[in-house]
Amino acid sequence: MEGSYYLTTAYLGMIVGLAIWTWTVVTRSRSIELRLAAVESTVGVEASDADSLAPQSTNIANQDATD
């Protein structure tokens, strides 16, 4: 029976570890989304416009790098 207790403890530990990791990732994701929204509102860019601006900024960066 000792092996069963050890295995049960190990499985519960893994479940708790995964729960803590998941909570940490979700918390960081929410924090990043809030920070991104704050930057977008400061710059005056709507979230729907951000996709159309991204290729333009990479094109400008590529032109600056080759000049």
N, C-alpha and C. Protein backbone atom coordinates (compact mmCIF):
# COMPACT_ATOMS: atom_id res chain seq x y z
N MET A 1 0.81 -1.21 0.00
CA MET A 1 0.00 0.00 0.00
C MET A 1 0.85 1.27 0.00
N GLU A 2 2.11 1.18 0.36
CA GLU A 2 2.94 2.38 0.39
C GLU A 2 3.08 2.99 -0.99
N GLY A 3 3.20 2.17 -2.01
CA GLY A 3 3.32 2.67 -3.38
C GLY A 3 2.09 3.43 -3.82
N SER A 4 0.92 2.97 -3.39
CA SER A 4 -0.33 3.64 -3.76
C SER A 4 -0.40 5.03 -3.14
N TYR A 5 0.02 5.15 -1.89
CA TYR A 5 0.00 6.47 -1.24
C TYR A 5 0.98 7.42 -1.91
N TYR A 6 2.16 6.90 -2.25
CA TYR A 6 3.15 7.72 -2.92
C TYR A 6 2.64 8.19 -4.28
N LEU A 7 2.04 7.28 -5.04
CA LEU A 7 1.51 7.61 -6.35
C LEU A 7 0.36 8.62 -6.25
N THR A 8 -0.51 8.43 -5.27
CA THR A 8 -1.62 9.35 -5.07
C THR A 8 -1.09 10.75 -4.73
N THR A 9 -0.11 10.80 -3.85
CA THR A 9 0.48 12.09 -3.47
C THR A 9 1.15 12.76 -4.67
N ALA A 10 1.84 11.97 -5.49
CA ALA A 10 2.50 12.52 -6.67
C ALA A 10 1.48 13.07 -7.66
N TYR A 11 0.40 12.34 -7.90
CA TYR A 11 -0.63 12.82 -8.82
C TYR A 11 -1.28 14.10 -8.30
N LEU A 12 -1.61 14.13 -7.02
CA LEU A 12 -2.22 15.34 -6.46
C LEU A 12 -1.25 16.52 -6.53
N GLY A 13 0.02 16.25 -6.31
CA GLY A 13 1.01 17.32 -6.43
C GLY A 13 1.10 17.85 -7.84
N MET A 14 1.04 16.96 -8.82
CA MET A 14 1.08 17.40 -10.22
C MET A 14 -0.16 18.21 -10.56
N ILE A 15 -1.31 17.80 -10.08
CA ILE A 15 -2.54 18.54 -10.35
C ILE A 15 -2.48 19.93 -9.74
N VAL A 16 -1.98 20.01 -8.51
CA VAL A 16 -1.85 21.31 -7.86
C VAL A 16 -0.83 22.17 -8.61
N GLY A 17 0.28 21.57 -9.02
CA GLY A 17 1.29 22.30 -9.77
C GLY A 17 0.74 22.84 -11.08
N LEU A 18 -0.02 22.04 -11.79
CA LEU A 18 -0.63 22.50 -13.05
C LEU A 18 -1.66 23.60 -12.80
N ALA A 19 -2.39 23.49 -11.72
CA ALA A 19 -3.38 24.52 -11.40
C ALA A 19 -2.69 25.85 -11.10
N ILE A 20 -1.60 25.82 -10.35
CA ILE A 20 -0.86 27.04 -10.04
C ILE A 20 -0.27 27.64 -11.31
N TRP A 21 0.30 26.80 -12.16
CA TRP A 21 0.89 27.28 -13.40
C TRP A 21 -0.17 27.91 -14.29
N THR A 22 -1.33 27.26 -14.41
CA THR A 22 -2.42 27.78 -15.23
C THR A 22 -2.90 29.13 -14.69
N TRP A 23 -3.06 29.23 -13.39
CA TRP A 23 -3.50 30.48 -12.78
C TRP A 23 -2.49 31.59 -13.06
N THR A 24 -1.21 31.28 -12.97
CA THR A 24 -0.17 32.26 -13.24
C THR A 24 -0.21 32.74 -14.69
N VAL A 25 -0.37 31.83 -15.63
CA VAL A 25 -0.42 32.19 -17.05
C VAL A 25 -1.64 33.05 -17.34
N VAL A 26 -2.78 32.69 -16.79
CA VAL A 26 -4.00 33.46 -17.03
C VAL A 26 -3.87 34.86 -16.43
N THR A 27 -3.30 34.95 -15.24
CA THR A 27 -3.11 36.26 -14.60
C THR A 27 -2.17 37.14 -15.42
N ARG A 28 -1.08 36.58 -15.89
CA ARG A 28 -0.14 37.35 -16.71
C ARG A 28 -0.78 37.77 -18.02
N SER A 29 -1.58 36.89 -18.61
CA SER A 29 -2.25 37.21 -19.87
C SER A 29 -3.20 38.39 -19.68
N ARG A 30 -3.95 38.37 -18.61
CA ARG A 30 -4.87 39.48 -18.34
C ARG A 30 -4.10 40.78 -18.12
N SER A 31 -2.99 40.68 -17.41
CA SER A 31 -2.17 41.86 -17.16
C SER A 31 -1.63 42.44 -18.47
N ILE A 32 -1.17 41.58 -19.35
CA ILE A 32 -0.65 42.03 -20.64
C ILE A 32 -1.75 42.66 -21.48
N GLU A 33 -2.95 42.08 -21.46
CA GLU A 33 -4.06 42.65 -22.21
C GLU A 33 -4.42 44.03 -21.70
N LEU A 34 -4.41 44.22 -20.38
CA LEU A 34 -4.70 45.53 -19.82
C LEU A 34 -3.63 46.55 -20.19
N ARG A 35 -2.38 46.15 -20.13
CA ARG A 35 -1.30 47.05 -20.50
C ARG A 35 -1.36 47.42 -21.98
N LEU A 36 -1.67 46.44 -22.83
CA LEU A 36 -1.80 46.71 -24.26
C LEU A 36 -2.95 47.66 -24.54
N ALA A 37 -4.06 47.47 -23.85
CA ALA A 37 -5.20 48.37 -24.03
C ALA A 37 -4.84 49.79 -23.60
N ALA A 38 -4.05 49.91 -22.52
CA ALA A 38 -3.64 51.24 -22.06
C ALA A 38 -2.73 51.91 -23.09
N VAL A 39 -1.82 51.14 -23.68
CA VAL A 39 -0.94 51.71 -24.71
C VAL A 39 -1.74 52.13 -25.93
N GLU A 40 -2.68 51.27 -26.35
CA GLU A 40 -3.49 51.59 -27.52
C GLU A 40 -4.31 52.85 -27.28
N SER A 41 -4.86 53.01 -26.08
CA SER A 41 -5.66 54.20 -25.81
C SER A 41 -4.79 55.45 -25.72
N THR A 42 -3.57 55.29 -25.23
CA THR A 42 -2.65 56.43 -25.15
C THR A 42 -2.22 56.89 -26.55
N VAL A 43 -1.93 55.92 -27.41
CA VAL A 43 -1.49 56.24 -28.76
C VAL A 43 -2.67 56.67 -29.62
N GLY A 44 -3.86 56.25 -29.25
CA GLY A 44 -5.04 56.59 -30.02
C GLY A 44 -5.35 55.60 -31.12
N VAL A 45 -4.92 54.37 -30.95
CA VAL A 45 -5.15 53.34 -31.94
C VAL A 45 -6.24 52.41 -31.43
N GLU A 46 -7.21 52.16 -32.26
CA GLU A 46 -8.24 51.18 -31.93
C GLU A 46 -7.71 49.78 -32.17
N ALA A 47 -8.24 48.81 -31.46
CA ALA A 47 -7.79 47.43 -31.62
C ALA A 47 -8.02 46.93 -33.04
N SER A 48 -9.09 47.39 -33.68
CA SER A 48 -9.38 46.94 -35.05
C SER A 48 -8.39 47.54 -36.05
N ASP A 49 -7.82 48.69 -35.74
CA ASP A 49 -6.84 49.32 -36.63
C ASP A 49 -5.43 48.76 -36.45
N ALA A 50 -5.18 48.11 -35.34
CA ALA A 50 -3.83 47.65 -35.03
C ALA A 50 -3.32 46.65 -36.06
N ASP A 51 -4.19 45.80 -36.59
CA ASP A 51 -3.76 44.81 -37.57
C ASP A 51 -3.32 45.47 -38.87
N SER A 52 -3.96 46.54 -39.26
CA SER A 52 -3.56 47.20 -40.50
C SER A 52 -2.30 48.03 -40.32
N LEU A 53 -1.98 48.42 -39.09
CA LEU A 53 -0.79 49.22 -38.83
C LEU A 53 0.47 48.37 -38.70
N ALA A 54 0.32 47.13 -38.31
CA ALA A 54 1.50 46.28 -38.07
C ALA A 54 2.35 46.09 -39.33
N PRO A 55 1.79 45.76 -40.50
CA PRO A 55 2.63 45.62 -41.69
C PRO A 55 3.32 46.93 -42.07
N GLN A 56 2.65 48.06 -41.85
CA GLN A 56 3.26 49.35 -42.18
C GLN A 56 4.48 49.62 -41.31
N SER A 57 4.40 49.26 -40.03
CA SER A 57 5.53 49.53 -39.15
C SER A 57 6.70 48.62 -39.47
N THR A 58 6.46 47.39 -39.90
CA THR A 58 7.57 46.51 -40.27
C THR A 58 8.20 46.97 -41.57
N ASN A 59 7.40 47.50 -42.49
CA ASN A 59 7.95 48.03 -43.74
C ASN A 59 8.85 49.23 -43.46
N ILE A 60 8.43 50.09 -42.57
CA ILE A 60 9.24 51.26 -42.22
C ILE A 60 10.53 50.82 -41.55
N ALA A 61 10.44 49.85 -40.67
CA ALA A 61 11.64 49.36 -39.98
C ALA A 61 12.62 48.73 -40.97
N ASN A 62 12.10 48.02 -41.96
CA ASN A 62 12.98 47.41 -42.96
C ASN A 62 13.64 48.47 -43.84
N GLN A 63 12.91 49.52 -44.17
CA GLN A 63 13.49 50.59 -44.97
C GLN A 63 14.57 51.32 -44.20
N ASP A 64 14.36 51.54 -42.91
CA ASP A 64 15.38 52.22 -42.09
C ASP A 64 16.63 51.37 -41.95
N ALA A 65 16.47 50.08 -41.88
CA ALA A 65 17.62 49.19 -41.69
C ALA A 65 18.48 49.09 -42.93
N THR A 66 17.86 49.30 -44.11
CA THR A 66 18.64 49.15 -45.36
C THR A 66 19.23 50.48 -45.83
N ASP A 67 18.80 51.58 -45.24
CA ASP A 67 19.33 52.90 -45.66
C ASP A 67 20.72 53.13 -45.15
